[in-house]
Protein backbone atom coordinates (compact mmCIF):
# COMPACT_ATOMS: atom_id res chain seq x y z
CA UNK A 1 -22.30 -18.38 77.69
CA UNK A 2 -19.70 -19.37 80.55
CA UNK A 3 -23.14 -21.57 82.60
CA UNK A 4 -24.24 -23.02 79.52
CA UNK A 5 -21.14 -24.81 78.54
CA UNK A 6 -20.52 -26.41 82.31
CA UNK A 7 -24.35 -27.98 81.70
CA UNK A 8 -23.28 -29.64 78.29
CA UNK A 9 -19.75 -30.66 79.97
CA UNK A 10 -21.50 -31.49 83.37
CA UNK A 11 -24.91 -33.52 81.23
CA UNK A 12 -21.99 -35.12 79.18
CA UNK A 13 -20.15 -36.60 82.24
CA UNK A 14 -22.85 -37.59 83.87
CA UNK A 15 -23.62 -40.04 79.91
CA UNK A 16 -20.08 -40.94 80.70
CA UNK A 17 -20.35 -42.11 83.76
CA UNK A 18 -23.57 -44.23 82.75
CA UNK A 19 -21.63 -45.24 79.95
CA UNK A 20 -18.83 -46.74 81.64
CA UNK A 21 -21.38 -48.39 85.18
CA UNK A 22 -23.36 -50.18 82.70
CA UNK A 23 -19.77 -51.12 80.79
CA UNK A 24 -18.82 -52.42 84.14
CA UNK A 25 -21.89 -54.59 85.04
CA UNK A 26 -21.22 -56.85 81.58
CA UNK A 27 -18.18 -57.59 81.98
CA UNK A 28 -18.96 -58.53 85.97
CA UNK A 29 -21.70 -60.58 84.41
CA UNK A 30 -21.18 -62.23 81.68
CA UNK A 31 -17.23 -63.29 83.46
CA UNK A 32 -19.86 -64.22 86.33
CA UNK A 33 -22.37 -66.50 84.05
CA UNK A 34 -22.22 -70.36 84.74
CA UNK A 35 -19.54 -69.85 87.05
CA UNK A 36 -20.56 -71.90 89.65
CA UNK A 37 -21.58 -74.67 86.79
CA UNK A 38 -20.98 -78.79 87.83
CA UNK A 39 -21.81 -80.76 84.67
CA UNK A 40 -24.47 -82.72 86.00
CA UNK A 41 -23.97 -85.70 83.80
CA UNK A 42 -23.06 -86.73 79.97
CA UNK A 43 -24.57 -89.31 77.44
CA UNK A 44 -23.58 -90.75 74.80
CA UNK A 45 -26.09 -90.17 71.78
CA UNK A 46 -23.86 -91.18 68.65
CA UNK A 47 -20.11 -92.71 67.81
CA UNK A 48 -20.19 -88.64 67.26
CA UNK A 49 -22.34 -86.50 69.43
CA UNK A 50 -22.64 -86.34 73.26
CA UNK A 51 -25.28 -84.62 76.11
CA UNK A 52 -23.23 -82.85 78.74
CA UNK A 53 -25.99 -81.02 81.16
CA UNK A 54 -25.02 -78.67 84.07
CA UNK A 55 -26.63 -77.16 86.20
CA UNK A 56 -26.74 -73.98 89.15
CA UNK A 57 -27.42 -74.17 92.20
CA UNK A 58 -26.33 -70.43 93.43
CA UNK A 59 -29.53 -69.49 93.67
CA UNK A 60 -31.42 -69.52 96.55
CA UNK A 61 -35.84 -70.16 97.45
CA UNK A 62 -36.70 -67.75 94.70
CA UNK A 63 -34.52 -68.43 91.73
CA UNK A 64 -34.84 -72.01 90.95
CA UNK A 65 -31.81 -74.70 89.24
CA UNK A 66 -30.85 -73.23 86.10
CA UNK A 67 -30.05 -76.51 83.61
CA UNK A 68 -27.64 -75.92 81.03
CA UNK A 69 -27.57 -78.59 77.61
CA UNK A 70 -24.98 -78.94 75.28
CA UNK A 71 -24.58 -81.04 73.12
CA UNK A 72 -21.06 -81.85 71.43
CA UNK A 73 -18.11 -84.15 70.08
CA UNK A 74 -16.69 -86.28 73.26
CA UNK A 75 -14.31 -83.97 75.87
CA UNK A 76 -12.28 -86.16 77.82
CA UNK A 77 -11.23 -84.65 81.16
CA UNK A 78 -12.66 -84.71 85.02
CA UNK A 79 -16.20 -83.32 85.54
CA UNK A 80 -14.49 -80.09 86.61
CA UNK A 81 -11.74 -79.73 84.08
CA UNK A 82 -15.89 -80.43 81.46
CA UNK A 83 -17.60 -78.16 83.12
CA UNK A 84 -14.96 -75.67 83.00
CA UNK A 85 -14.41 -76.73 78.82
CA UNK A 86 -18.30 -75.87 78.40
CA UNK A 87 -17.97 -72.30 80.54
CA UNK A 88 -16.68 -70.80 76.67
CA UNK A 89 -19.92 -72.46 74.19
CA UNK A 90 -23.57 -71.48 73.73
CA UNK A 91 -25.71 -73.68 75.32
CA UNK A 92 -27.92 -74.56 72.81
CA UNK A 93 -30.45 -74.92 75.78
CA UNK A 94 -31.24 -73.09 79.56
CA UNK A 95 -33.86 -74.18 81.60
CA UNK A 96 -35.18 -75.98 84.33
CA UNK A 97 -36.42 -79.13 83.66
CA UNK A 98 -35.08 -82.77 81.75
CA UNK A 99 -35.10 -84.20 77.92
CA UNK A 100 -35.92 -87.22 77.75
CA UNK A 101 -34.65 -88.31 74.74
CA UNK A 102 -32.66 -87.83 71.39
CA UNK A 103 -32.83 -88.82 68.87
CA UNK A 104 -29.98 -87.87 65.43
CA UNK A 105 -31.63 -88.94 61.67
CA UNK A 106 -27.83 -87.70 60.34
CA UNK A 107 -25.31 -85.40 61.96
CA UNK A 108 -27.23 -82.97 60.32
CA UNK A 109 -30.59 -83.06 62.40
CA UNK A 110 -31.89 -83.20 65.75
CA UNK A 111 -34.82 -83.83 68.22
CA UNK A 112 -35.62 -82.93 71.19
CA UNK A 113 -38.29 -84.18 73.88
CA UNK A 114 -37.84 -81.71 76.87
CA UNK A 115 -40.03 -80.51 79.71
CA UNK A 116 -39.98 -78.67 82.13
CA UNK A 117 -39.93 -74.73 82.41
CA UNK A 118 -37.49 -72.99 78.46
CA UNK A 119 -35.16 -69.62 79.91
CA UNK A 120 -33.45 -69.46 76.41
CA UNK A 121 -33.10 -72.95 73.27
CA UNK A 122 -31.30 -72.80 69.54
CA UNK A 123 -32.76 -74.58 66.46
CA UNK A 124 -29.55 -75.04 65.23
CA UNK A 125 -25.63 -75.75 67.05
CA UNK A 126 -22.30 -76.66 65.55
CA UNK A 127 -19.87 -78.18 66.78
CA UNK A 128 -16.76 -80.47 65.00
CA UNK A 129 -16.85 -84.10 63.34
CA UNK A 130 -13.82 -86.32 62.04
CA UNK A 131 -12.20 -82.76 62.07
CA UNK A 132 -14.07 -81.41 60.82
CA UNK A 133 -16.69 -77.85 61.77
CA UNK A 134 -21.07 -78.80 61.13
CA UNK A 135 -23.26 -76.71 61.60
CA UNK A 136 -26.98 -78.87 62.73
CA UNK A 137 -30.69 -77.70 62.58
CA UNK A 138 -32.40 -78.81 66.54
CA UNK A 139 -36.09 -79.72 66.73
CA UNK A 140 -38.06 -79.63 69.05
CA UNK A 141 -41.02 -81.44 71.30
CA UNK A 142 -41.58 -79.75 74.95
CA UNK A 143 -44.43 -81.29 77.20
């Protein structure tokens, strides 16, 4: 009976240790993601929207350069300030390619032409327009 209790406690401690290790990994990864991004470009799309592109060049020969693309209202400040502020936003597109065209039909529909490898993309974004939160739909043409 004593052996069975000891085995149950060891199994519980092992599972708890695995959860702590996994939790620590996710906390570390989430704090260090986008850590080394640098602002590469900012483009004015229309009176209300700007396209910001950040780039992570921390990879080596086996890790490609990663671009993160954001559409939001204008962010004033230095390149470091803008890159730091974008760290806390979710990019609508992540990949190793380039955007060649962005068309805004109205404030709620945006068409994007992209060439290159895609790591992740979203079909909608949320941004501020005159103090109001706007949700826009994104459509893609990927070459």
